[in-house]
């Protein structure tokens, strides 16, 4: 004899959880676009970015530019997928936000305030997607 357990009524996600996840998606898309712009500037004009201190990571601005373009493109696509509640977008969003944190930590000698701001945004994205990411997918 087969028995089934009832799971109870479906619980609708709260509006706050949906708003937090949507905000994370928007921040991810914006930081992706700004990262791509930052990368294009690094490729086009190497002299714009001036290193203030000697740090562990010293790369040419062109190399950092290509890295920021790649990270920005993936972040933008993950942000769009997050808006549509795609499961793959949640995983990619967490991974790319962590990679972005590392890249912006290494970018600190070039633009410290911007790098710290983006690191804060990436930490928010990781928190929002891990805590409320599945709520956004359940509502669509």
Protein backbone atom coordinates (compact mmCIF):
# COMPACT_ATOMS: atom_id res chain seq x y z
CA UNK A 1 0.00 0.00 0.00
CA UNK A 2 1.32 3.41 -0.96
CA UNK A 3 0.84 6.32 1.39
CA UNK A 4 1.30 9.95 0.51
CA UNK A 5 2.20 12.70 2.83
CA UNK A 6 0.54 16.00 2.37
CA UNK A 7 2.91 18.88 2.31
CA UNK A 8 0.32 21.45 3.24
CA UNK A 9 -0.75 24.52 1.38
CA UNK A 10 1.72 26.31 -0.83
CA UNK A 11 3.24 29.32 0.86
CA UNK A 12 3.49 32.47 -1.19
CA UNK A 13 6.77 34.32 -0.85
CA UNK A 14 6.67 37.67 0.88
CA UNK A 15 6.93 40.88 -1.07
CA UNK A 16 10.07 41.86 0.81
CA UNK A 17 11.87 38.70 -0.28
CA UNK A 18 10.90 39.31 -3.89
CA UNK A 19 12.05 42.91 -3.65
CA UNK A 20 15.40 41.94 -2.16
CA UNK A 21 16.03 39.39 -4.90
CA UNK A 22 14.93 41.81 -7.63
CA UNK A 23 17.25 44.44 -6.16
CA UNK A 24 20.10 41.93 -6.19
CA UNK A 25 19.40 41.20 -9.85
CA UNK A 26 19.34 44.91 -10.68
CA UNK A 27 22.57 45.55 -8.77
CA UNK A 28 24.20 42.60 -10.53
CA UNK A 29 23.17 43.96 -13.93
CA UNK A 30 24.34 47.48 -13.09
CA UNK A 31 27.69 46.39 -11.73
CA UNK A 32 28.05 44.22 -14.82
CA UNK A 33 27.45 47.18 -17.14
CA UNK A 34 29.73 49.45 -15.11
CA UNK A 35 32.39 46.72 -15.03
CA UNK A 36 32.22 46.43 -18.82
CA UNK A 37 32.56 50.22 -19.15
CA UNK A 38 35.46 50.17 -16.70
CA UNK A 39 37.10 47.42 -18.77
CA UNK A 40 36.60 49.25 -22.06
CA UNK A 41 38.20 52.37 -20.58
CA UNK A 42 41.13 50.28 -19.35
CA UNK A 43 41.63 48.86 -22.84
CA UNK A 44 41.22 52.13 -24.74
CA UNK A 45 43.19 54.44 -22.43
CA UNK A 46 45.87 52.77 -20.31
CA UNK A 47 46.98 56.10 -18.84
CA UNK A 48 43.64 56.86 -17.19
CA UNK A 49 44.16 54.37 -14.37
CA UNK A 50 47.08 55.36 -12.16
CA UNK A 51 48.47 52.98 -9.55
CA UNK A 52 48.89 54.82 -6.25
CA UNK A 53 50.76 52.18 -4.20
CA UNK A 54 52.73 49.06 -4.92
CA UNK A 55 50.46 46.10 -4.31
CA UNK A 56 50.81 42.38 -4.72
CA UNK A 57 48.86 42.35 -7.99
CA UNK A 58 50.41 44.49 -10.68
CA UNK A 59 48.94 43.94 -14.12
CA UNK A 60 48.62 46.13 -17.13
CA UNK A 61 45.36 48.11 -17.29
CA UNK A 62 44.57 46.33 -20.57
CA UNK A 63 44.67 42.93 -18.88
CA UNK A 64 42.43 44.19 -16.08
CA UNK A 65 40.16 45.71 -18.73
CA UNK A 66 39.56 42.37 -20.42
CA UNK A 67 38.94 40.73 -17.06
CA UNK A 68 36.38 43.35 -16.07
CA UNK A 69 34.62 43.05 -19.42
CA UNK A 70 34.31 39.28 -19.03
CA UNK A 71 33.13 39.47 -15.42
CA UNK A 72 30.72 42.28 -16.30
CA UNK A 73 29.19 40.38 -19.19
CA UNK A 74 28.60 37.25 -17.11
CA UNK A 75 27.24 39.35 -14.22
CA UNK A 76 24.78 41.11 -16.53
CA UNK A 77 23.52 37.81 -17.96
CA UNK A 78 23.16 36.34 -14.46
CA UNK A 79 21.21 39.42 -13.34
CA UNK A 80 18.80 39.05 -16.26
CA UNK A 81 18.38 35.35 -15.48
CA UNK A 82 17.76 36.23 -11.84
CA UNK A 83 14.87 38.45 -12.86
CA UNK A 84 13.28 35.52 -14.67
CA UNK A 85 13.76 33.25 -11.65
CA UNK A 86 16.13 30.84 -13.36
CA UNK A 87 17.84 28.37 -11.09
CA UNK A 88 21.13 28.49 -13.03
CA UNK A 89 21.18 32.28 -12.58
CA UNK A 90 21.24 31.93 -8.80
CA UNK A 91 24.33 29.72 -8.93
CA UNK A 92 26.07 31.90 -11.52
CA UNK A 93 25.18 35.07 -9.56
CA UNK A 94 26.85 33.76 -6.42
CA UNK A 95 29.94 32.56 -8.30
CA UNK A 96 30.37 35.72 -10.36
CA UNK A 97 29.80 37.97 -7.33
CA UNK A 98 32.55 36.09 -5.49
CA UNK A 99 34.88 36.40 -8.50
CA UNK A 100 33.99 40.09 -8.72
CA UNK A 101 34.92 40.55 -5.06
CA UNK A 102 38.35 39.07 -5.75
CA UNK A 103 38.82 41.12 -8.93
CA UNK A 104 37.82 44.36 -7.21
CA UNK A 105 40.08 43.59 -4.28
CA UNK A 106 42.91 43.38 -6.76
CA UNK A 107 41.59 46.59 -8.40
CA UNK A 108 41.96 48.54 -5.13
CA UNK A 109 45.22 50.31 -6.16
CA UNK A 110 43.52 51.80 -9.22
CA UNK A 111 40.21 53.07 -7.82
CA UNK A 112 39.89 52.23 -4.11
CA UNK A 113 36.50 53.82 -3.35
CA UNK A 114 34.83 52.31 -6.41
CA UNK A 115 36.31 48.88 -5.67
CA UNK A 116 35.06 48.98 -2.07
CA UNK A 117 31.59 50.02 -3.23
CA UNK A 118 31.40 47.17 -5.74
CA UNK A 119 32.64 44.70 -3.12
CA UNK A 120 29.80 45.82 -0.84
CA UNK A 121 27.27 45.40 -3.67
CA UNK A 122 28.62 41.93 -4.42
CA UNK A 123 28.32 40.91 -0.78
CA UNK A 124 24.68 42.08 -0.83
CA UNK A 125 24.03 40.06 -4.00
CA UNK A 126 25.50 36.91 -2.45
CA UNK A 127 23.41 37.38 0.70
CA UNK A 128 20.19 38.14 -1.18
CA UNK A 129 20.50 35.25 -3.58
CA UNK A 130 21.41 32.70 -0.91
CA UNK A 131 18.68 33.79 1.48
CA UNK A 132 15.83 34.78 -0.84
CA UNK A 133 16.78 33.50 -4.30
CA UNK A 134 14.45 30.53 -4.31
CA UNK A 135 11.50 32.74 -3.31
CA UNK A 136 11.79 34.72 -6.53
CA UNK A 137 11.73 31.59 -8.66
CA UNK A 138 8.69 30.22 -6.81
CA UNK A 139 6.57 33.29 -7.58
CA UNK A 140 6.98 33.15 -11.36
